[in-house]
Amino acid sequence: MSAEQNVRVAVVQAAGRPFDTPGAVDEVCAMTAEAAAQGARLLLFPEAYVGGYPWGLSFGTAVGGRSDPGRRSWERYWASAIDVPGPEVGRMADAARSAGVYLCVGVIERDSTYGGGTLFCTLLYFGPDGSLLGKHRKLKPTAAERLIWGEGDGSTLTAVETPWGAVGGLICWENYMPLARMAMYGKGLSIYLAPTADARERWQSTLQHIALEGRCFVLGCNQYVHRDMYPDDLEIAHELDAWPETLCAGGSAIYGPLGERLAGPLWNEEGVVYADLDLGAIARSRFDFDVTGHYARPDVFRLVVDESPHPPLE
């Protein structure tokens, strides 16, 4: 049982800051202070918020070809990513410490260990003392995301302990991977984080299903983004011509462990979604279904998860 039975959480549906990493970090720091002033003690920001989720851009790629403007734009995107650790991480850590909150932020991470050429879609976890508690790298980028991001390994299937139990989760369509979900449920999550770039209404069904399946609280977080948030001098801006003005309508929401909607979804604006969680609801919900307990049937089904790091060079 968690040490504390109640907590206010905040899901920050921030306005997009593509190619503007300093502005995105400024927003994280400002909104962290604002949400903490409203009593939130656990905050979640969207997938790829710092560094940017580049809706509508193909970076000049086609099967068998790349363009020079696309390569230059990719270089600009690469420069917008952050090192972990690094100065941007330090600023967000300071914001968590100043506010005294657990802070979880989606970033684009530059791999600084092996030359820095590969980017990862990463979720960072900060503690209220400002420490970087852990990170999760997206295991499987989806569709065209594979052009711009590498794949994480099992060593970053992270869960962190808090006064309200274990907190962890998966990024966007990783949540459609049943075995990945089961691996996270096996960590005993009380609060499941699902930052995303998916603004379809049907994504709400995914969040609700995870809550019911995992018998946990689910925090879904997205950005609000429209085309004029991109820089005016982006060389490949014409790639956005076929896209609507609103690139991402949001849909941030919070669900309880019986699938009940506690807050949101928030559409077509930036804002913060709050909910007050009663952690006792988790035990009540698992009375009739416990995915890693009396419903697990380990005599029939076994899941083996490799959580060791797999570096390209030893």
C-alpha atoms as a PDB file:
ATOM      1  CA  MET A   1       0.000   0.000   0.000  1.00  0.00           C
ATOM      2  CA  SER A   2       1.298   3.456  -0.823  1.00  0.00           C
ATOM      3  CA  ALA A   3       2.318   5.718   2.057  1.00  0.00           C
ATOM      4  CA  GLU A   4      -0.097   8.451   0.971  1.00  0.00           C
ATOM      5  CA  GLN A   5      -3.608   7.719  -0.242  1.00  0.00           C
ATOM      6  CA  ASN A   6      -4.419  10.972  -2.037  1.00  0.00           C
ATOM      7  CA  VAL A   7      -2.595  13.099  -4.580  1.00  0.00           C
ATOM      8  CA  ARG A   8      -3.430  15.835  -7.055  1.00  0.00           C
ATOM      9  CA  VAL A   9      -1.941  15.248 -10.503  1.00  0.00           C
ATOM     10  CA  ALA A  10      -1.653  17.561 -13.489  1.00  0.00           C
ATOM     11  CA  VAL A  11      -1.491  16.821 -17.216  1.00  0.00           C
ATOM     12  CA  VAL A  12      -0.084  19.820 -19.083  1.00  0.00           C
ATOM     13  CA  GLN A  13      -1.440  20.228 -22.620  1.00  0.00           C
ATOM     14  CA  ALA A  14       1.168  22.748 -23.661  1.00  0.00           C
ATOM     15  CA  ALA A  15       1.197  24.669 -26.938  1.00  0.00           C
ATOM     16  CA  GLY A  16       3.792  23.283 -29.323  1.00  0.00           C
ATOM     17  CA  ARG A  17       7.258  24.809 -29.608  1.00  0.00           C
ATOM     18  CA  PRO A  18       8.708  23.056 -32.671  1.00  0.00           C
ATOM     19  CA  PHE A  19      12.370  23.912 -33.307  1.00  0.00           C
ATOM     20  CA  ASP A  20      12.300  26.150 -30.197  1.00  0.00           C
ATOM     21  CA  THR A  21      13.921  24.178 -27.408  1.00  0.00           C
ATOM     22  CA  PRO A  22      14.652  27.160 -25.114  1.00  0.00           C
ATOM     23  CA  GLY A  23      11.002  28.221 -25.405  1.00  0.00           C
ATOM     24  CA  ALA A  24       9.800  24.691 -24.626  1.00  0.00           C
ATOM     25  CA  VAL A  25      12.001  24.481 -21.529  1.00  0.00           C
ATOM     26  CA  ASP A  26      10.750  27.915 -20.437  1.00  0.00           C
ATOM     27  CA  GLU A  27       7.194  26.606 -20.753  1.00  0.00           C
ATOM     28  CA  VAL A  28       7.983  23.474 -18.729  1.00  0.00           C
ATOM     29  CA  CYS A  29       9.456  25.568 -15.933  1.00  0.00           C
ATOM     30  CA  ALA A  30       6.604  28.110 -15.914  1.00  0.00           C
ATOM     31  CA  MET A  31       3.811  25.538 -16.069  1.00  0.00           C
ATOM     32  CA  THR A  32       5.477  23.389 -13.407  1.00  0.00           C
ATOM     33  CA  ALA A  33       5.396  26.326 -11.004  1.00  0.00           C
ATOM     34  CA  GLU A  34       1.797  27.140 -11.959  1.00  0.00           C
ATOM     35  CA  ALA A  35       0.518  23.585 -11.505  1.00  0.00           C
ATOM     36  CA  ALA A  36       2.359  23.189  -8.210  1.00  0.00           C
ATOM     37  CA  ALA A  37       0.683  26.368  -6.981  1.00  0.00           C
ATOM     38  CA  GLN A  38      -2.638  24.650  -7.717  1.00  0.00           C
ATOM     39  CA  GLY A  39      -1.645  21.749  -5.471  1.00  0.00           C
ATOM     40  CA  ALA A  40      -0.347  19.273  -8.075  1.00  0.00           C
ATOM     41  CA  ARG A  41       2.433  16.991  -6.863  1.00  0.00           C
ATOM     42  CA  LEU A  42       2.890  14.886 -10.008  1.00  0.00           C
ATOM     43  CA  LEU A  43       3.040  16.544 -13.445  1.00  0.00           C
ATOM     44  CA  LEU A  44       3.157  15.084 -16.957  1.00  0.00           C
ATOM     45  CA  PHE A  45       4.139  16.914 -20.166  1.00  0.00           C
ATOM     46  CA  PRO A  46       3.520  15.515 -23.691  1.00  0.00           C
ATOM     47  CA  GLU A  47       5.526  13.212 -25.886  1.00  0.00           C
ATOM     48  CA  ALA A  48       8.470  14.958 -27.561  1.00  0.00           C
ATOM     49  CA  TYR A  49       7.564  18.325 -26.089  1.00  0.00           C
ATOM     50  CA  VAL A  50      11.144  19.534 -25.620  1.00  0.00           C
ATOM     51  CA  GLY A  51      12.796  19.077 -29.008  1.00  0.00           C
ATOM     52  CA  GLY A  52       9.497  18.824 -30.859  1.00  0.00           C
ATOM     53  CA  TYR A  53       7.203  16.344 -32.532  1.00  0.00           C
ATOM     54  CA  PRO A  54       7.497  17.352 -36.228  1.00  0.00           C
ATOM     55  CA  TRP A  55       3.930  16.806 -37.481  1.00  0.00           C
ATOM     56  CA  GLY A  56       3.672  16.874 -41.259  1.00  0.00           C
ATOM     57  CA  LEU A  57       7.387  16.834 -42.072  1.00  0.00           C
ATOM     58  CA  SER A  58       9.127  14.151 -44.107  1.00  0.00           C
ATOM     59  CA  PHE A  59      12.515  15.906 -44.188  1.00  0.00           C
ATOM     60  CA  GLY A  60      12.712  15.541 -47.946  1.00  0.00           C
ATOM     61  CA  THR A  61      12.665  11.743 -47.874  1.00  0.00           C
ATOM     62  CA  ALA A  62      11.331   9.266 -50.375  1.00  0.00           C
ATOM     63  CA  VAL A  63      12.161   5.618 -50.894  1.00  0.00           C
ATOM     64  CA  GLY A  64      15.658   5.729 -52.351  1.00  0.00           C
ATOM     65  CA  GLY A  65      16.210   9.470 -51.967  1.00  0.00           C
ATOM     66  CA  ARG A  66      16.843  12.417 -49.647  1.00  0.00           C
ATOM     67  CA  SER A  67      16.955  16.111 -50.513  1.00  0.00           C
ATOM     68  CA  ASP A  68      19.505  18.711 -49.444  1.00  0.00           C
ATOM     69  CA  PRO A  69      16.838  20.984 -47.882  1.00  0.00           C
ATOM     70  CA  GLY A  70      15.583  17.945 -45.995  1.00  0.00           C
ATOM     71  CA  ARG A  71      19.061  17.167 -44.687  1.00  0.00           C
ATOM     72  CA  ARG A  72      19.552  20.769 -43.567  1.00  0.00           C
ATOM     73  CA  SER A  73      16.171  20.749 -41.838  1.00  0.00           C
ATOM     74  CA  TRP A  74      17.083  17.466 -40.186  1.00  0.00           C
ATOM     75  CA  GLU A  75      20.285  19.104 -38.935  1.00  0.00           C
ATOM     76  CA  ARG A  76      18.146  21.854 -37.424  1.00  0.00           C
ATOM     77  CA  TYR A  77      15.887  19.291 -35.765  1.00  0.00           C
ATOM     78  CA  TRP A  78      18.921  17.407 -34.476  1.00  0.00           C
ATOM     79  CA  ALA A  79      20.250  20.659 -32.984  1.00  0.00           C
ATOM     80  CA  SER A  80      16.881  21.142 -31.222  1.00  0.00           C
ATOM     81  CA  ALA A  81      17.309  17.843 -29.357  1.00  0.00           C
ATOM     82  CA  ILE A  82      18.899  17.744 -25.913  1.00  0.00           C
ATOM     83  CA  ASP A  83      21.649  15.810 -24.192  1.00  0.00           C
ATOM     84  CA  VAL A  84      20.764  13.781 -21.096  1.00  0.00           C
ATOM     85  CA  PRO A  85      22.255  14.981 -18.827  1.00  0.00           C
ATOM     86  CA  GLY A  86      22.672  18.486 -20.135  1.00  0.00           C
ATOM     87  CA  PRO A  87      21.792  22.134 -19.479  1.00  0.00           C
ATOM     88  CA  GLU A  88      18.120  21.762 -20.412  1.00  0.00           C
ATOM     89  CA  VAL A  89      17.821  18.763 -18.112  1.00  0.00           C
ATOM     90  CA  GLY A  90      19.410  20.872 -15.381  1.00  0.00           C
ATOM     91  CA  ARG A  91      16.838  23.635 -15.830  1.00  0.00           C
ATOM     92  CA  MET A  92      13.919  21.202 -15.629  1.00  0.00           C
ATOM     93  CA  ALA A  93      15.469  19.544 -12.581  1.00  0.00           C
ATOM     94  CA  ASP A  94      15.674  22.953 -10.913  1.00  0.00           C
ATOM     95  CA  ALA A  95      11.990  23.556 -11.736  1.00  0.00           C
ATOM     96  CA  ALA A  96      11.008  20.247 -10.127  1.00  0.00           C
ATOM     97  CA  ARG A  97      13.069  21.034  -7.039  1.00  0.00           C
ATOM     98  CA  SER A  98      11.728  24.576  -6.699  1.00  0.00           C
ATOM     99  CA  ALA A  99       8.147  23.327  -6.972  1.00  0.00           C
ATOM    100  CA  GLY A 100       8.740  20.204  -4.867  1.00  0.00           C
ATOM    101  CA  VAL A 101       7.025  17.942  -7.419  1.00  0.00           C
ATOM    102  CA  TYR A 102       7.557  14.792  -9.438  1.00  0.00           C
ATOM    103  CA  LEU A 103       7.950  16.021 -13.016  1.00  0.00           C
ATOM    104  CA  CYS A 104       7.747  13.846 -16.148  1.00  0.00           C
ATOM    105  CA  VAL A 105       8.625  15.429 -19.505  1.00  0.00           C
ATOM    106  CA  GLY A 106       8.721  14.094 -23.057  1.00  0.00           C
ATOM    107  CA  VAL A 107      11.914  15.137 -24.843  1.00  0.00           C
ATOM    108  CA  ILE A 108      13.930  14.384 -27.948  1.00  0.00           C
ATOM    109  CA  GLU A 109      17.208  13.000 -26.658  1.00  0.00           C
ATOM    110  CA  ARG A 110      20.452  13.167 -28.605  1.00  0.00           C
ATOM    111  CA  ASP A 111      22.561  10.069 -28.058  1.00  0.00           C
ATOM    112  CA  SER A 112      25.741  11.608 -26.685  1.00  0.00           C
ATOM    113  CA  THR A 113      27.383   8.272 -25.835  1.00  0.00           C
ATOM    114  CA  TYR A 114      28.263   7.016 -29.318  1.00  0.00           C
ATOM    115  CA  GLY A 115      28.782  10.144 -31.391  1.00  0.00           C
ATOM    116  CA  GLY A 116      25.405  11.798 -31.074  1.00  0.00           C
ATOM    117  CA  GLY A 117      23.971  10.984 -34.497  1.00  0.00           C
ATOM    118  CA  THR A 118      20.836   9.162 -33.338  1.00  0.00           C
ATOM    119  CA  LEU A 119      17.817  10.744 -31.670  1.00  0.00           C
ATOM    120  CA  PHE A 120      15.455   9.049 -29.233  1.00  0.00           C
ATOM    121  CA  CYS A 121      11.924   9.900 -28.157  1.00  0.00           C
ATOM    122  CA  THR A 122      12.394   9.871 -24.391  1.00  0.00           C
ATOM    123  CA  LEU A 123      10.379  10.411 -21.218  1.00  0.00           C
ATOM    124  CA  LEU A 124      12.354  11.905 -18.314  1.00  0.00           C
ATOM    125  CA  TYR A 125      11.428  11.451 -14.641  1.00  0.00           C
ATOM    126  CA  PHE A 126      12.493  14.087 -12.089  1.00  0.00           C
ATOM    127  CA  GLY A 127      12.074  13.870  -8.332  1.00  0.00           C
ATOM    128  CA  PRO A 128      11.005  16.677  -5.999  1.00  0.00           C
ATOM    129  CA  ASP A 129      14.626  17.045  -4.904  1.00  0.00           C
ATOM    130  CA  GLY A 130      15.630  17.826  -8.484  1.00  0.00           C
ATOM    131  CA  SER A 131      17.232  14.459  -9.158  1.00  0.00           C
ATOM    132  CA  LEU A 132      16.838  12.732 -12.522  1.00  0.00           C
ATOM    133  CA  LEU A 133      15.211   9.514 -11.368  1.00  0.00           C
ATOM    134  CA  GLY A 134      15.203   7.767 -14.712  1.00  0.00           C
ATOM    135  CA  LYS A 135      14.241   7.843 -18.361  1.00  0.00           C
ATOM    136  CA  HIS A 136      12.356   5.742 -20.863  1.00  0.00           C
ATOM    137  CA  ARG A 137      13.317   5.589 -24.536  1.00  0.00           C
ATOM    138  CA  LYS A 138      10.493   4.696 -26.916  1.00  0.00           C
ATOM    139  CA  LEU A 139      10.950   1.062 -27.924  1.00  0.00           C
ATOM    140  CA  LYS A 140       9.327   1.279 -31.352  1.00  0.00           C
ATOM    141  CA  PRO A 141       8.884   4.530 -33.262  1.00  0.00           C
ATOM    142  CA  THR A 142       5.751   4.399 -35.408  1.00  0.00           C
ATOM    143  CA  ALA A 143       5.589   4.721 -39.214  1.00  0.00           C
ATOM    144  CA  ALA A 144       7.582   7.770 -40.416  1.00  0.00           C
ATOM    145  CA  GLU A 145       8.921   8.323 -36.889  1.00  0.00           C
ATOM    146  CA  ARG A 146      11.381   5.568 -37.807  1.00  0.00           C
ATOM    147  CA  LEU A 147      13.081   8.037 -40.177  1.00  0.00           C
ATOM    148  CA  ILE A 148      13.996  10.346 -37.314  1.00  0.00           C
ATOM    149  CA  TRP A 149      14.245   8.315 -34.088  1.00  0.00           C
ATOM    150  CA  GLY A 150      16.136   5.232 -33.003  1.00  0.00           C
ATOM    151  CA  GLU A 151      14.751   2.366 -30.911  1.00  0.00           C
ATOM    152  CA  GLY A 152      15.231   2.144 -27.164  1.00  0.00           C
ATOM    153  CA  ASP A 153      16.036  -1.110 -25.405  1.00  0.00           C
ATOM    154  CA  GLY A 154      14.580  -2.814 -22.363  1.00  0.00           C
ATOM    155  CA  SER A 155      16.981  -1.129 -19.963  1.00  0.00           C
ATOM    156  CA  THR A 156      14.766   1.968 -19.905  1.00  0.00           C
ATOM    157  CA  LEU A 157      11.456   0.292 -19.057  1.00  0.00           C
ATOM    158  CA  THR A 158      11.449   2.657 -16.114  1.00  0.00           C
ATOM    159  CA  ALA A 159       9.213   2.850 -13.065  1.00  0.00           C
ATOM    160  CA  VAL A 160       9.926   5.174 -10.163  1.00  0.00           C
ATOM    161  CA  GLU A 161       8.760   4.856  -6.587  1.00  0.00           C
ATOM    162  CA  THR A 162       6.725   7.728  -5.166  1.00  0.00           C
ATOM    163  CA  PRO A 163       4.662   8.249  -2.000  1.00  0.00           C
ATOM    164  CA  TRP A 164       1.664   7.096  -4.090  1.00  0.00           C
ATOM    165  CA  GLY A 165       3.191   3.893  -5.398  1.00  0.00           C
ATOM    166  CA  ALA A 166       5.096   3.147  -8.585  1.00  0.00           C
ATOM    167  CA  VAL A 167       4.805   5.543 -11.534  1.00  0.00           C
ATOM    168  CA  GLY A 168       5.803   4.594 -15.075  1.00  0.00           C
ATOM    169  CA  GLY A 169       4.417   4.149 -18.535  1.00  0.00           C
ATOM    170  CA  LEU A 170       4.858   3.978 -22.288  1.00  0.00           C
ATOM    171  CA  ILE A 171       4.910   6.545 -25.082  1.00  0.00           C
ATOM    172  CA  CYS A 172       2.119   6.849 -27.658  1.00  0.00           C
ATOM    173  CA  TRP A 173       1.687   3.716 -29.796  1.00  0.00           C
ATOM    174  CA  GLU A 174       3.966   1.664 -27.563  1.00  0.00           C
ATOM    175  CA  ASN A 175       0.704   1.386 -25.667  1.00  0.00           C
ATOM    176  CA  TYR A 176      -0.630  -0.781 -28.515  1.00  0.00           C
ATOM    177  CA  MET A 177       2.097  -3.354 -27.720  1.00  0.00           C
ATOM    178  CA  PRO A 178       0.416  -5.879 -25.362  1.00  0.00           C
ATOM    179  CA  LEU A 179       3.662  -7.348 -24.085  1.00  0.00           C
ATOM    180  CA  ALA A 180       5.114  -3.912 -23.336  1.00  0.00           C
ATOM    181  CA  ARG A 181       1.989  -3.029 -21.368  1.00  0.00           C
ATOM    182  CA  MET A 182       2.244  -6.299 -19.434  1.00  0.00           C
ATOM    183  CA  ALA A 183       5.901  -5.607 -18.651  1.00  0.00           C
ATOM    184  CA  MET A 184       4.893  -2.262 -17.136  1.00  0.00           C
ATOM    185  CA  TYR A 185       1.948  -3.723 -15.214  1.00  0.00           C
ATOM    186  CA  GLY A 186       4.442  -6.176 -13.730  1.00  0.00           C
ATOM    187  CA  LYS A 187       6.193  -3.251 -12.059  1.00  0.00           C
ATOM    188  CA  GLY A 188       3.103  -2.700  -9.912  1.00  0.00           C
ATOM    189  CA  LEU A 189       2.171   0.691 -11.319  1.00  0.00           C
ATOM    190  CA  SER A 190      -0.327   2.794  -9.429  1.00  0.00           C
ATOM    191  CA  ILE A 191      -0.113   5.660 -11.918  1.00  0.00           C
ATOM    192  CA  TYR A 192       0.459   4.876 -15.600  1.00  0.00           C
ATOM    193  CA  LEU A 193       1.767   7.641 -17.870  1.00  0.00           C
ATOM    194  CA  ALA A 194       0.778   7.698 -21.550  1.00  0.00           C
ATOM    195  CA  PRO A 195       2.179  10.815 -23.227  1.00  0.00           C
ATOM    196  CA  THR A 196       1.254  10.830 -26.904  1.00  0.00           C
ATOM    197  CA  ALA A 197       1.011  12.661 -30.218  1.00  0.00           C
ATOM    198  CA  ASP A 198      -2.269  10.912 -31.111  1.00  0.00           C
ATOM    199  CA  ALA A 199      -5.181  13.377 -31.072  1.00  0.00           C
ATOM    200  CA  ARG A 200      -7.834  11.051 -32.463  1.00  0.00           C
ATOM    201  CA  GLU A 201     -10.949  10.696 -30.348  1.00  0.00           C
ATOM    202  CA  ARG A 202     -10.500   6.918 -30.460  1.00  0.00           C
ATOM    203  CA  TRP A 203      -7.247   7.319 -28.477  1.00  0.00           C
ATOM    204  CA  GLN A 204      -9.474   7.908 -25.463  1.00  0.00           C
ATOM    205  CA  SER A 205     -10.563   4.275 -25.773  1.00  0.00           C
ATOM    206  CA  THR A 206      -6.924   3.220 -25.478  1.00  0.00           C
ATOM    207  CA  LEU A 207      -6.419   5.245 -22.308  1.00  0.00           C
ATOM    208  CA  GLN A 208      -9.619   3.836 -20.847  1.00  0.00           C
ATOM    209  CA  HIS A 209      -8.658   0.276 -21.773  1.00  0.00           C
ATOM    210  CA  ILE A 210      -5.246   0.602 -20.097  1.00  0.00           C
ATOM    211  CA  ALA A 211      -6.941   1.870 -16.938  1.00  0.00           C
ATOM    212  CA  LEU A 212      -9.321  -1.091 -16.921  1.00  0.00           C
ATOM    213  CA  GLU A 213      -6.674  -3.650 -17.860  1.00  0.00           C
ATOM    214  CA  GLY A 214      -3.973  -2.405 -15.497  1.00  0.00           C
ATOM    215  CA  ARG A 215      -6.395  -1.357 -12.749  1.00  0.00           C
ATOM    216  CA  CYS A 216      -4.392   1.830 -12.374  1.00  0.00           C
ATOM    217  CA  PHE A 217      -4.788   5.560 -12.876  1.00  0.00           C
ATOM    218  CA  VAL A 218      -3.870   6.638 -16.421  1.00  0.00           C
ATOM    219  CA  LEU A 219      -2.587  10.079 -17.364  1.00  0.00           C
ATOM    220  CA  GLY A 220      -2.841  10.813 -21.081  1.00  0.00           C
ATOM    221  CA  CYS A 221      -1.033  13.947 -22.279  1.00  0.00           C
ATOM    222  CA  ASN A 222      -0.768  15.583 -25.699  1.00  0.00           C
ATOM    223  CA  GLN A 223       0.201  18.939 -27.212  1.00  0.00           C
ATOM    224  CA  TYR A 224      -1.911  21.582 -28.913  1.00  0.00           C
ATOM    225  CA  VAL A 225      -0.205  22.497 -32.190  1.00  0.00           C
ATOM    226  CA  HIS A 226      -1.118  24.424 -35.328  1.00  0.00           C
ATOM    227  CA  ARG A 227       0.898  25.228 -38.444  1.00  0.00           C
ATOM    228  CA  ASP A 228       1.872  28.789 -37.579  1.00  0.00           C
ATOM    229  CA  MET A 229       3.826  27.500 -34.565  1.00  0.00           C
ATOM    230  CA  TYR A 230       6.546  26.343 -36.985  1.00  0.00           C
ATOM    231  CA  PRO A 231       9.362  28.829 -37.708  1.00  0.00           C
ATOM    232  CA  ASP A 232       8.784  31.043 -40.748  1.00  0.00           C
ATOM    233  CA  ASP A 233      12.181  30.223 -42.246  1.00  0.00           C
ATOM    234  CA  LEU A 234      11.816  26.428 -42.225  1.00  0.00           C
ATOM    235  CA  GLU A 235      13.184  25.249 -45.587  1.00  0.00           C
ATOM    236  CA  ILE A 236      10.741  22.374 -45.934  1.00  0.00           C
ATOM    237  CA  ALA A 237       7.646  24.281 -44.804  1.00  0.00           C
ATOM    238  CA  HIS A 238       5.937  23.371 -48.096  1.00  0.00           C
ATOM    239  CA  GLU A 239       5.617  19.815 -46.768  1.00  0.00           C
ATOM    240  CA  LEU A 240       2.880  21.145 -44.470  1.00  0.00           C
ATOM    241  CA  ASP A 241       0.729  22.392 -47.386  1.00  0.00           C
ATOM    242  CA  ALA A 242      -1.401  19.240 -47.433  1.00  0.00           C
ATOM    243  CA  TRP A 243      -2.009  19.352 -43.684  1.00  0.00           C
ATOM    244  CA  PRO A 244      -4.808  21.143 -41.798  1.00  0.00           C
ATOM    245  CA  GLU A 245      -4.144  24.304 -39.819  1.00  0.00           C
ATOM    246  CA  THR A 246      -4.563  22.419 -36.549  1.00  0.00           C
ATOM    247  CA  LEU A 247      -1.910  19.715 -36.553  1.00  0.00           C
ATOM    248  CA  CYS A 248      -2.757  18.347 -33.109  1.00  0.00           C
ATOM    249  CA  ALA A 249      -5.964  19.131 -31.227  1.00  0.00           C
ATOM    250  CA  GLY A 250      -4.770  17.614 -27.934  1.00  0.00           C
ATOM    251  CA  GLY A 251      -7.138  15.341 -26.039  1.00  0.00           C
ATOM    252  CA  SER A 252      -5.292  15.187 -22.714  1.00  0.00           C
ATOM    253  CA  ALA A 253      -7.284  13.274 -20.097  1.00  0.00           C
ATOM    254  CA  ILE A 254      -7.099  11.337 -16.832  1.00  0.00           C
ATOM    255  CA  TYR A 255      -8.833   8.001 -16.144  1.00  0.00           C
ATOM    256  CA  GLY A 256      -9.432   6.005 -12.975  1.00  0.00           C
ATOM    257  CA  PRO A 257      -8.771   2.281 -12.385  1.00  0.00           C
ATOM    258  CA  LEU A 258     -12.329   1.247 -13.320  1.00  0.00           C
ATOM    259  CA  GLY A 259     -12.064   3.144 -16.594  1.00  0.00           C
ATOM    260  CA  GLU A 260     -13.970   6.165 -15.332  1.00  0.00           C
ATOM    261  CA  ARG A 261     -13.021   9.523 -16.856  1.00  0.00           C
ATOM    262  CA  LEU A 262     -11.807  11.799 -14.064  1.00  0.00           C
ATOM    263  CA  ALA A 263     -10.828  14.848 -16.131  1.00  0.00           C
ATOM    264  CA  GLY A 264     -10.719  15.946 -19.757  1.00  0.00           C
ATOM    265  CA  PRO A 265     -10.308  15.358 -22.557  1.00  0.00           C
ATOM    266  CA  LEU A 266      -9.180  18.884 -23.393  1.00  0.00           C
ATOM    267  CA  TRP A 267      -9.502  19.815 -27.066  1.00  0.00           C
ATOM    268  CA  ASN A 268      -8.306  22.667 -29.295  1.00  0.00           C
ATOM    269  CA  GLU A 269      -6.542  24.744 -26.680  1.00  0.00           C
ATOM    270  CA  GLU A 270      -3.595  24.697 -24.362  1.00  0.00           C
ATOM    271  CA  GLY A 271      -4.271  24.176 -20.690  1.00  0.00           C
ATOM    272  CA  VAL A 272      -3.820  21.978 -17.644  1.00  0.00           C
ATOM    273  CA  VAL A 273      -6.037  19.036 -16.699  1.00  0.00           C
ATOM    274  CA  TYR A 274      -6.136  18.264 -12.962  1.00  0.00           C
ATOM    275  CA  ALA A 275      -7.496  15.347 -10.975  1.00  0.00           C
ATOM    276  CA  ASP A 276      -7.443  14.367  -7.304  1.00  0.00           C
ATOM    277  CA  LEU A 277      -6.616  10.667  -7.063  1.00  0.00           C
ATOM    278  CA  ASP A 278      -7.829   8.366  -4.295  1.00  0.00           C
ATOM    279  CA  LEU A 279      -5.233   5.584  -4.309  1.00  0.00           C
ATOM    280  CA  GLY A 280      -7.592   3.334  -2.361  1.00  0.00           C
ATOM    281  CA  ALA A 281      -9.531   2.967  -5.612  1.00  0.00           C
ATOM    282  CA  ILE A 282      -6.759   0.711  -6.932  1.00  0.00           C
ATOM    283  CA  ALA A 283      -7.296  -1.981  -4.290  1.00  0.00           C
ATOM    284  CA  ARG A 284     -11.059  -1.721  -4.763  1.00  0.00           C
ATOM    285  CA  SER A 285     -10.695  -2.146  -8.519  1.00  0.00           C
ATOM    286  CA  ARG A 286      -8.439  -5.198  -8.224  1.00  0.00           C
ATOM    287  CA  PHE A 287     -10.994  -7.069  -6.150  1.00  0.00           C
ATOM    288  CA  ASP A 288     -12.373  -8.688  -9.299  1.00  0.00           C
ATOM    289  CA  PHE A 289      -9.473  -8.277 -11.749  1.00  0.00           C
ATOM    290  CA  ASP A 290      -5.732  -8.153 -11.072  1.00  0.00           C
ATOM    291  CA  VAL A 291      -3.748  -8.458 -14.283  1.00  0.00           C
ATOM    292  CA  THR A 292      -0.516  -9.575 -12.588  1.00  0.00           C
ATOM    293  CA  GLY A 293      -2.200 -11.316  -9.655  1.00  0.00           C
ATOM    294  CA  HIS A 294      -5.159 -13.685  -9.585  1.00  0.00           C
ATOM    295  CA  TYR A 295      -5.871 -13.132 -13.300  1.00  0.00           C
ATOM    296  CA  ALA A 296      -2.299 -13.805 -14.450  1.00  0.00           C
ATOM    297  CA  ARG A 297      -2.282 -17.654 -14.813  1.00  0.00           C
ATOM    298  CA  PRO A 298       1.538 -18.026 -14.823  1.00  0.00           C
ATOM    299  CA  ASP A 299       1.047 -21.776 -15.126  1.00  0.00           C
ATOM    300  CA  VAL A 300      -0.186 -21.138 -18.677  1.00  0.00           C
ATOM    301  CA  PHE A 301       1.424 -17.843 -19.743  1.00  0.00           C
ATOM    302  CA  ARG A 302       4.972 -16.589 -19.142  1.00  0.00           C
ATOM    303  CA  LEU A 303       6.535 -13.301 -20.220  1.00  0.00           C
ATOM    304  CA  VAL A 304      10.310 -12.911 -20.264  1.00  0.00           C
ATOM    305  CA  VAL A 305      11.550  -9.313 -20.478  1.00  0.00           C
ATOM    306  CA  ASP A 306      15.161  -8.435 -21.258  1.00  0.00           C
ATOM    307  CA  GLU A 307      15.910  -5.240 -19.327  1.00  0.00           C
ATOM    308  CA  SER A 308      19.654  -5.297 -19.934  1.00  0.00           C
ATOM    309  CA  PRO A 309      21.246  -2.512 -21.996  1.00  0.00           C
ATOM    310  CA  HIS A 310      22.319  -3.352 -25.536  1.00  0.00           C
ATOM    311  CA  PRO A 311      25.007  -0.859 -26.538  1.00  0.00           C
ATOM    312  CA  PRO A 312      26.425  -1.095 -30.054  1.00  0.00           C
ATOM    313  CA  LEU A 313      29.947  -1.093 -28.611  1.00  0.00           C
ATOM    314  CA  GLU A 314      31.141  -2.670 -25.385  1.00  0.00           C
END
